Amino acid sequence: MTIQRPKGTQDLLPGTIEQWQYLEDTIRSVCREYGYEEIRTPMFEATELFQRGVGQTTDIVKKEMYTFLDKGNRSMTLRPELTASVCRAYVENKLYGQPQPVKLYYIGPMFRYERPQSGRFRQFHQFGVEVLGADQAIVDAEVISLVWNLYRRLGLVGLEVHVNSVGCPTCRASHREQLQEFLAVRKAELCNDCQERFERNPLRILDCKNPSCQAVTAGAPTTKDTLCADCSTHFARVLDILGRAGVVYRVNPRLVRGLDYYTKTAFEVMVEEIGAQSAICGGGRYDKLVEEIGGPPTAGIGFAMGIERVLAALQVQDKLPKKEPKLFAMLIALGEKAQTEGFALLNALRSQGLPAGMDLLGRSLKNQLKSADRQGARYALILGEEELARNVLVIKDLSLGEQREVPLTDAVEEINKNYQRGV
């Protein structure tokens, strides 16, 4: 029986991994420009962190977490998201003692047990940013503008930023009362999950993707209807800054996001034609989360985007870079002595940062030239018994079909000159 990879996971092979590297390199470049620093946290955490941080009523905690008992009988969970972990690291490492705000980003795998489908995996990868220690509206705008400018850098088009305010605990209490009153007469029409949410967290009902629940909540009171003066002013300020910065947005009063920790600003970036759902980024403010997991009162905001989903959008829109040649030069050594001498030459080229390879199977000249062409090499470096006897190397330009001889002692310098000139 052949062992296969677990359902909902994928192997990232050469030919595909270069696309990931391109996206990750662009992400790191944009984060540097915005002054964000990378953080890496453990792949697993104490289960309580996600129960308290993400929320007991969320689908993530109730249905999707990979949770296990370790050998010390402690409940551990593979991280389903990273905001709670970053906040835990912020508290544990006393980052609140540094100059604020602390601006962090991460790239890495997450784990959720859900039904695999287009754009959704059980092991998936996220890029996200978190800003801790600042509650000003301009911070919200910076976080949204970072992801907006990242997508523009990547060349994506047809994007929409949906933005809303879910309020604070004070004004959300009023919305909760109004929403429960609206839904009470139609509670039986809600799905089982939403009937449970009715008492514990009715706001989450607005986030349900079940068509029957969406029909029931049509016309329901939104958080925008009940914002207090402070939340309303904050939201208006966010929108004003985004508009002046040229970020195209749409206010979506039904946008509440699926996690319990959000306060005030919530947002998603949407793009069509990538399967399942059209969101390729989501985030918002979470001013109570750090305190909830045992830290000092600390404002926070961030977002996460699925690497797989962004790559799918880039693929659909034909925005991925074209495949680059693997090698600049391919050494074709004919015979053991030529292999030995040629390997030293190859090592000298590689030590100067020049991508070069050689045949390792002792194939014929014809087959080695075919291999060099398949790998996109610009030059074939031919070394056989005759060339060794004359102490020369044949440099063949595979794009022009021209070749010339150079003394072996000058070969490294000559090849490197061509590489530096890009010819």
Protein backbone atom coordinates (compact mmCIF):
# COMPACT_ATOMS: atom_id res chain seq x y z
CA MET A 1 0.00 0.00 0.00
CA THR A 2 1.40 3.38 -1.04
CA ILE A 3 1.46 6.02 1.69
CA GLN A 4 -0.04 9.31 0.51
CA ARG A 5 -0.02 12.80 1.96
CA PRO A 6 -2.81 13.60 4.46
CA LYS A 7 -6.08 14.87 3.04
CA GLY A 8 -6.19 18.66 2.82
CA THR A 9 -2.42 19.08 2.51
CA GLN A 10 -0.18 19.59 -0.50
CA ASP A 11 3.37 19.02 -1.69
CA LEU A 12 5.02 22.20 -2.97
CA LEU A 13 7.33 21.06 -5.75
CA PRO A 14 10.00 22.77 -7.85
CA GLY A 15 8.22 24.73 -10.57
CA THR A 16 5.56 25.80 -8.05
CA ILE A 17 7.66 26.79 -5.04
CA GLU A 18 9.20 29.64 -7.05
CA GLN A 19 5.76 31.29 -7.14
CA TRP A 20 5.60 31.08 -3.34
CA GLN A 21 9.08 32.57 -3.06
CA TYR A 22 8.10 35.43 -5.35
CA LEU A 23 5.03 36.23 -3.22
CA GLU A 24 6.95 35.91 0.05
CA ASP A 25 9.78 38.13 -1.24
CA THR A 26 7.24 40.80 -2.25
CA ILE A 27 5.55 40.57 1.16
CA ARG A 28 8.85 41.01 3.00
CA SER A 29 9.77 43.97 0.81
CA VAL A 30 6.46 45.77 1.49
CA CYS A 31 6.69 45.04 5.23
CA ARG A 32 10.18 46.54 5.38
CA GLU A 33 8.91 49.67 3.64
CA TYR A 34 6.15 50.00 6.26
CA GLY A 35 8.50 49.37 9.19
CA TYR A 36 7.15 45.95 10.24
CA GLU A 37 9.43 43.30 11.76
CA GLU A 38 9.03 39.53 11.48
CA ILE A 39 7.92 37.32 14.37
CA ARG A 40 7.87 33.51 14.50
CA THR A 41 5.89 31.65 17.14
CA PRO A 42 5.47 27.91 17.93
CA MET A 43 3.41 25.67 15.64
CA PHE A 44 1.38 24.56 18.68
CA GLU A 45 0.17 26.35 21.77
CA ALA A 46 -1.82 25.61 24.91
CA THR A 47 -5.42 25.00 23.80
CA GLU A 48 -6.67 27.56 26.33
CA LEU A 49 -4.97 30.35 24.36
CA PHE A 50 -7.29 29.84 21.39
CA GLN A 51 -10.34 29.12 23.54
CA ARG A 52 -9.90 32.45 25.34
CA GLY A 53 -8.48 34.42 22.44
CA VAL A 54 -10.42 33.25 19.37
CA GLY A 55 -13.66 32.55 21.28
CA GLN A 56 -15.58 29.52 22.49
CA THR A 57 -18.48 30.17 20.09
CA THR A 58 -16.40 30.31 16.90
CA ASP A 59 -16.41 27.49 14.37
CA ILE A 60 -12.61 27.36 14.69
CA VAL A 61 -12.69 26.45 18.38
CA LYS A 62 -15.86 24.33 18.25
CA LYS A 63 -15.18 22.30 15.12
CA GLU A 64 -11.88 22.89 13.37
CA MET A 65 -8.93 22.75 15.78
CA TYR A 66 -6.34 19.98 15.78
CA THR A 67 -6.15 19.37 19.54
CA PHE A 68 -4.24 16.64 21.37
CA LEU A 69 -2.91 15.70 24.79
CA ASP A 70 0.88 15.69 25.07
CA LYS A 71 2.84 13.25 27.22
CA GLY A 72 2.34 15.51 30.22
CA ASN A 73 -1.44 15.24 29.71
CA ARG A 74 -1.60 18.92 28.70
CA SER A 75 -4.06 19.97 26.01
CA MET A 76 -2.19 21.38 23.01
CA THR A 77 -3.50 22.70 19.69
CA LEU A 78 -1.85 23.18 16.32
CA ARG A 79 -2.27 26.89 15.67
CA PRO A 80 -5.43 27.64 13.62
CA GLU A 81 -4.51 31.34 13.37
CA LEU A 82 -1.71 33.53 14.67
CA THR A 83 -3.16 36.68 16.22
CA ALA A 84 -3.66 35.02 19.60
CA SER A 85 -0.13 33.58 19.46
CA VAL A 86 1.39 36.97 18.62
CA CYS A 87 -0.50 38.56 21.52
CA ARG A 88 0.72 35.80 23.83
CA ALA A 89 4.30 36.45 22.67
CA TYR A 90 3.78 40.19 23.18
CA VAL A 91 2.78 39.58 26.81
CA GLU A 92 5.22 36.79 27.64
CA ASN A 93 8.24 38.64 26.21
CA LYS A 94 7.13 41.98 27.69
CA LEU A 95 7.09 43.74 24.34
CA TYR A 96 4.75 46.26 25.96
CA GLY A 97 7.88 47.63 27.64
CA GLN A 98 9.33 48.64 24.27
CA PRO A 99 8.46 51.86 22.41
CA GLN A 100 4.90 51.53 21.14
CA PRO A 101 3.35 50.61 18.81
CA VAL A 102 4.99 47.26 18.10
CA LYS A 103 4.56 46.44 14.40
CA LEU A 104 4.97 42.76 13.52
CA TYR A 105 4.38 40.44 10.58
CA TYR A 106 4.46 36.66 10.10
CA ILE A 107 4.41 34.06 7.33
CA GLY A 108 3.75 30.42 8.12
CA PRO A 109 1.49 27.34 8.19
CA MET A 110 -1.81 27.10 10.10
CA PHE A 111 -4.01 24.06 10.71
CA ARG A 112 -7.79 23.66 10.65
CA TYR A 113 -9.82 20.49 10.28
CA GLU A 114 -12.36 21.50 7.65
CA ARG A 115 -13.67 20.13 4.37
CA PRO A 116 -10.97 20.61 1.72
CA GLN A 117 -12.15 22.49 -1.38
CA SER A 118 -10.81 24.92 -3.95
CA GLY A 119 -8.58 27.40 -2.12
CA ARG A 120 -9.08 25.69 1.28
CA PHE A 121 -6.71 23.22 2.92
CA ARG A 122 -6.28 21.63 6.35
CA GLN A 123 -2.69 22.82 6.40
CA PHE A 124 -2.69 26.26 4.85
CA HIS A 125 -0.37 29.25 4.98
CA GLN A 126 -0.97 32.82 6.06
CA PHE A 127 0.76 36.13 5.92
CA GLY A 128 -0.42 38.60 8.52
CA VAL A 129 0.48 41.76 10.38
CA GLU A 130 -0.30 42.86 13.92
CA VAL A 131 0.09 46.35 15.40
CA LEU A 132 -0.01 46.40 19.21
CA GLY A 133 -0.08 49.44 21.48
CA ALA A 134 -1.95 52.06 19.41
CA ASP A 135 -5.68 52.74 19.14
CA GLN A 136 -5.68 55.69 16.71
CA ALA A 137 -7.77 55.47 13.53
CA ILE A 138 -4.72 56.21 11.41
CA VAL A 139 -3.24 52.86 12.51
CA ASP A 140 -6.31 51.08 11.11
CA ALA A 141 -5.84 52.96 7.85
CA GLU A 142 -2.15 52.03 7.67
CA VAL A 143 -2.89 48.33 8.13
CA ILE A 144 -5.54 48.38 5.40
CA SER A 145 -3.35 50.42 3.08
CA LEU A 146 -0.46 47.97 3.54
CA VAL A 147 -2.43 45.03 2.17
CA TRP A 148 -4.02 47.24 -0.52
CA ASN A 149 -0.60 48.39 -1.74
CA LEU A 150 0.75 44.83 -1.55
CA TYR A 151 -1.97 43.64 -3.92
CA ARG A 152 -1.30 46.56 -6.24
CA ARG A 153 2.42 45.70 -6.21
CA LEU A 154 1.49 42.16 -7.23
CA GLY A 155 -0.66 43.51 -10.07
CA LEU A 156 -4.03 42.18 -8.88
CA VAL A 157 -7.10 43.95 -10.26
CA GLY A 158 -10.83 43.80 -9.55
CA LEU A 159 -10.34 44.15 -5.80
CA GLU A 160 -12.84 45.49 -3.28
CA VAL A 161 -12.07 46.45 0.32
CA HIS A 162 -15.18 45.88 2.44
CA VAL A 163 -15.04 47.76 5.73
CA ASN A 164 -17.33 48.08 8.73
CA SER A 165 -17.27 48.91 12.42
CA VAL A 166 -18.51 46.25 14.84
CA GLY A 167 -18.42 48.75 17.71
CA CYS A 168 -17.13 48.38 21.24
CA PRO A 169 -18.57 46.39 24.18
CA THR A 170 -20.64 49.44 25.21
CA CYS A 171 -22.50 50.05 21.96
CA ARG A 172 -22.54 46.39 20.98
CA ALA A 173 -24.75 45.65 23.98
CA SER A 174 -27.43 47.85 22.43
CA HIS A 175 -27.02 46.11 19.07
CA ARG A 176 -27.20 42.69 20.72
CA GLU A 177 -30.54 43.60 22.30
CA GLN A 178 -31.98 44.93 19.04
CA LEU A 179 -30.71 41.96 17.02
CA GLN A 180 -32.13 39.38 19.43
CA GLU A 181 -35.47 41.18 19.39
CA PHE A 182 -35.46 41.13 15.56
CA LEU A 183 -34.53 37.43 15.36
CA ALA A 184 -36.64 36.08 18.22
CA VAL A 185 -39.79 35.50 16.12
CA ARG A 186 -37.79 33.64 13.44
CA LYS A 187 -35.30 31.83 15.63
CA ALA A 188 -36.63 28.41 14.56
CA GLU A 189 -35.66 29.16 10.95
CA LEU A 190 -31.98 29.57 11.86
CA CYS A 191 -29.49 26.71 11.47
CA ASN A 192 -28.55 24.76 14.60
CA ASP A 193 -25.29 26.67 15.05
CA CYS A 194 -27.03 30.03 14.84
CA GLN A 195 -29.75 28.96 17.26
CA GLU A 196 -26.95 28.30 19.74
CA ARG A 197 -25.32 31.64 18.89
CA PHE A 198 -28.61 33.46 19.55
CA GLU A 199 -27.93 33.56 23.28
CA ARG A 200 -24.13 33.41 23.43
CA ASN A 201 -23.07 35.65 20.54
CA PRO A 202 -25.91 36.77 18.23
CA LEU A 203 -23.60 39.05 16.22
CA ARG A 204 -22.01 35.92 14.72
CA ILE A 205 -25.34 35.04 13.11
CA LEU A 206 -24.75 37.87 10.63
CA ASP A 207 -21.56 36.07 9.54
CA CYS A 208 -23.28 32.75 8.83
CA LYS A 209 -22.94 31.55 5.22
CA ASN A 210 -26.05 29.34 5.39
CA PRO A 211 -28.54 30.71 2.80
CA SER A 212 -31.51 30.25 5.14
CA CYS A 213 -29.77 32.26 7.89
CA GLN A 214 -28.85 34.97 5.41
CA ALA A 215 -32.52 35.19 4.42
CA VAL A 216 -33.63 35.38 8.07
CA THR A 217 -31.18 38.18 8.84
CA ALA A 218 -32.07 40.28 5.79
CA GLY A 219 -33.02 43.70 7.15
CA ALA A 220 -31.65 42.93 10.62
CA PRO A 221 -30.19 45.81 12.68
CA THR A 222 -26.50 46.26 11.95
CA THR A 223 -23.72 47.42 14.22
CA LYS A 224 -23.51 50.60 12.16
CA ASP A 225 -27.00 51.51 13.41
CA THR A 226 -25.96 51.45 17.07
CA LEU A 227 -22.41 52.83 17.16
CA CYS A 228 -21.60 55.04 20.13
CA ALA A 229 -20.13 58.49 19.54
CA ASP A 230 -16.55 57.32 20.04
CA CYS A 231 -16.86 54.34 17.66
CA SER A 232 -18.70 56.43 15.08
CA THR A 233 -15.99 59.12 15.14
CA HIS A 234 -13.25 56.50 14.94
CA PHE A 235 -14.88 54.82 11.92
CA ALA A 236 -15.47 58.11 10.09
CA ARG A 237 -11.81 59.00 10.62
CA VAL A 238 -10.67 55.65 9.19
CA LEU A 239 -12.79 56.14 6.08
CA ASP A 240 -11.58 59.70 5.58
CA ILE A 241 -7.90 58.66 5.74
CA LEU A 242 -8.44 55.72 3.38
CA GLY A 243 -10.25 57.91 0.88
CA ARG A 244 -7.52 60.53 0.88
CA ALA A 245 -4.87 57.79 0.41
CA GLY A 246 -6.64 56.46 -2.67
CA VAL A 247 -7.73 53.13 -1.17
CA VAL A 248 -10.96 52.05 -2.85
CA TYR A 249 -13.39 50.75 -0.21
CA ARG A 250 -17.07 49.93 0.28
CA VAL A 251 -18.85 50.14 3.63
CA ASN A 252 -20.51 46.76 4.27
CA PRO A 253 -22.75 46.94 7.38
CA ARG A 254 -23.14 43.13 7.46
CA LEU A 255 -19.42 42.49 7.71
CA VAL A 256 -18.70 41.21 11.23
CA ARG A 257 -15.91 38.64 10.66
CA GLY A 258 -15.90 35.21 12.28
CA LEU A 259 -13.83 35.72 15.42
CA ASP A 260 -15.02 36.92 18.81
CA TYR A 261 -12.15 39.30 19.53
CA TYR A 262 -12.93 42.02 16.98
CA THR A 263 -13.84 45.56 18.08
CA LYS A 264 -14.44 48.68 16.00
CA THR A 265 -12.90 48.35 12.51
CA ALA A 266 -13.35 45.10 10.60
CA PHE A 267 -12.44 44.61 6.95
CA GLU A 268 -12.03 42.11 4.12
CA VAL A 269 -10.48 42.29 0.66
CA MET A 270 -12.54 40.52 -2.00
CA VAL A 271 -11.66 39.20 -5.45
CA GLU A 272 -13.75 37.03 -7.77
CA GLU A 273 -13.08 33.65 -9.38
CA ILE A 274 -10.89 31.87 -6.82
CA GLY A 275 -13.41 29.31 -5.56
CA ALA A 276 -15.28 28.72 -2.29
CA GLN A 277 -15.38 32.31 -1.05
CA SER A 278 -13.99 35.43 -2.63
CA ALA A 279 -12.14 36.89 0.39
CA ILE A 280 -8.34 36.90 0.09
CA CYS A 281 -7.69 38.90 3.26
CA GLY A 282 -9.52 39.73 6.46
CA GLY A 283 -8.80 41.52 9.67
CA GLY A 284 -9.75 44.17 12.16
CA ARG A 285 -9.20 45.77 15.52
CA TYR A 286 -9.06 43.74 18.76
CA ASP A 287 -8.55 46.15 21.64
CA LYS A 288 -9.48 43.63 24.38
CA LEU A 289 -7.59 40.53 23.23
CA VAL A 290 -4.25 41.11 24.98
CA GLU A 291 -6.06 41.76 28.25
CA GLU A 292 -8.25 38.69 27.68
CA ILE A 293 -5.21 36.40 27.63
CA GLY A 294 -3.66 37.91 30.74
CA GLY A 295 -1.75 40.96 29.52
CA PRO A 296 -2.13 44.66 30.25
CA PRO A 297 -4.85 46.69 28.48
CA THR A 298 -3.45 47.01 24.95
CA ALA A 299 -5.04 48.14 21.71
CA GLY A 300 -4.37 45.98 18.67
CA ILE A 301 -5.24 45.60 14.99
CA GLY A 302 -4.13 43.25 12.24
CA PHE A 303 -5.07 41.08 9.30
CA ALA A 304 -4.28 37.69 7.80
CA MET A 305 -4.33 36.58 4.20
CA GLY A 306 -4.17 33.06 2.81
CA ILE A 307 -1.07 32.51 0.69
CA GLU A 308 -2.80 29.78 -1.33
CA ARG A 309 -5.79 32.01 -2.08
CA VAL A 310 -3.65 34.95 -3.20
CA LEU A 311 -1.62 32.65 -5.46
CA ALA A 312 -4.88 31.35 -6.93
CA ALA A 313 -5.99 34.92 -7.66
CA LEU A 314 -2.60 35.71 -9.25
CA GLN A 315 -2.92 32.54 -11.36
CA VAL A 316 -6.44 33.42 -12.56
CA GLN A 317 -5.36 36.94 -13.49
CA ASP A 318 -2.10 35.73 -15.10
CA LYS A 319 -0.01 37.91 -12.79
CA LEU A 320 2.59 35.36 -11.74
CA PRO A 321 6.13 35.95 -13.06
CA LYS A 322 7.34 33.85 -15.95
CA LYS A 323 9.60 30.93 -15.15
CA GLU A 324 13.26 31.96 -15.06
CA PRO A 325 16.14 29.79 -16.34
CA LYS A 326 17.61 27.56 -13.65
CA LEU A 327 21.23 27.89 -14.75
CA PHE A 328 23.50 30.40 -16.43
CA ALA A 329 26.10 27.80 -17.37
CA MET A 330 26.15 24.01 -17.68
CA LEU A 331 29.47 22.16 -17.47
CA ILE A 332 29.72 19.29 -19.93
CA ALA A 333 32.59 17.10 -18.77
CA LEU A 334 33.52 14.09 -20.92
CA GLY A 335 35.40 11.45 -18.93
CA GLU A 336 36.43 11.07 -15.30
CA LYS A 337 39.48 13.33 -15.51
CA ALA A 338 37.41 16.09 -17.13
CA GLN A 339 34.76 15.65 -14.41
CA THR A 340 37.39 16.07 -11.70
CA GLU A 341 38.97 19.17 -13.26
CA GLY A 342 35.58 20.55 -14.26
CA PHE A 343 34.18 20.16 -10.76
CA ALA A 344 36.89 22.49 -9.43
CA LEU A 345 35.96 25.02 -12.14
CA LEU A 346 32.27 24.65 -11.26
CA ASN A 347 32.98 25.16 -7.57
CA ALA A 348 34.87 28.38 -8.32
CA LEU A 349 31.94 29.71 -10.38
CA ARG A 350 29.38 28.82 -7.71
CA SER A 351 31.48 30.45 -4.98
CA GLN A 352 31.11 33.73 -6.85
CA GLY A 353 27.30 33.41 -6.89
CA LEU A 354 26.96 32.18 -10.46
CA PRO A 355 24.23 29.54 -10.99
CA ALA A 356 25.96 26.66 -12.70
CA GLY A 357 25.46 22.91 -12.93
CA MET A 358 26.93 19.78 -14.46
CA ASP A 359 25.81 16.38 -15.65
CA LEU A 360 26.17 13.80 -12.86
CA LEU A 361 25.35 10.67 -14.88
CA GLY A 362 28.23 10.56 -17.36
CA ARG A 363 25.98 10.89 -20.41
CA SER A 364 27.10 11.59 -23.97
CA LEU A 365 27.92 15.04 -25.34
CA LYS A 366 24.65 15.11 -27.28
CA ASN A 367 22.53 14.20 -24.27
CA GLN A 368 24.34 16.65 -22.01
CA LEU A 369 23.71 19.47 -24.49
CA LYS A 370 20.01 18.55 -24.51
CA SER A 371 19.98 18.64 -20.72
CA ALA A 372 21.62 22.09 -20.70
CA ASP A 373 18.97 23.37 -23.10
CA ARG A 374 16.12 21.92 -21.00
CA GLN A 375 17.43 23.70 -17.93
CA GLY A 376 17.60 27.02 -19.73
CA ALA A 377 21.37 27.42 -19.52
CA ARG A 378 22.79 30.28 -21.61
CA TYR A 379 26.21 28.66 -21.96
CA ALA A 380 27.55 25.12 -22.20
CA LEU A 381 31.10 24.73 -20.88
CA ILE A 382 32.63 21.80 -22.74
CA LEU A 383 35.66 20.01 -21.29
CA GLY A 384 36.99 16.72 -22.66
CA GLU A 385 40.30 14.93 -23.04
CA GLU A 386 41.31 17.05 -26.05
CA GLU A 387 40.53 20.33 -24.23
CA LEU A 388 42.43 19.14 -21.15
CA ALA A 389 45.46 18.28 -23.28
CA ARG A 390 45.46 21.85 -24.66
CA ASN A 391 44.47 23.39 -21.30
CA VAL A 392 41.41 25.15 -22.78
CA LEU A 393 37.66 25.30 -22.20
CA VAL A 394 35.06 25.52 -24.97
CA ILE A 395 32.34 28.08 -24.18
CA LYS A 396 29.25 27.48 -26.35
CA ASP A 397 26.51 30.16 -26.50
CA LEU A 398 23.37 28.03 -26.67
CA SER A 399 21.14 30.91 -27.75
CA LEU A 400 23.34 31.95 -30.69
CA GLY A 401 24.94 28.61 -31.50
CA GLU A 402 28.42 30.17 -31.40
CA GLN A 403 31.40 28.82 -29.51
CA ARG A 404 34.92 29.86 -28.64
CA GLU A 405 37.90 28.61 -26.66
CA VAL A 406 39.48 30.27 -23.62
CA PRO A 407 42.48 29.18 -21.52
CA LEU A 408 41.35 27.17 -18.49
CA THR A 409 43.22 29.60 -16.24
CA ASP A 410 41.04 32.48 -17.54
CA ALA A 411 37.74 30.56 -17.70
CA VAL A 412 36.26 31.65 -14.34
CA GLU A 413 36.97 35.33 -14.96
CA GLU A 414 35.66 35.17 -18.55
CA ILE A 415 32.41 33.40 -17.64
CA ASN A 416 31.82 35.69 -14.67
CA LYS A 417 32.22 38.78 -16.88
CA ASN A 418 29.44 37.50 -19.13
CA TYR A 419 27.24 36.77 -16.13
CA GLN A 420 27.72 40.24 -14.65
CA ARG A 421 26.88 41.81 -18.03
CA GLY A 422 23.85 39.54 -18.38
CA VAL A 423 25.05 38.15 -21.75
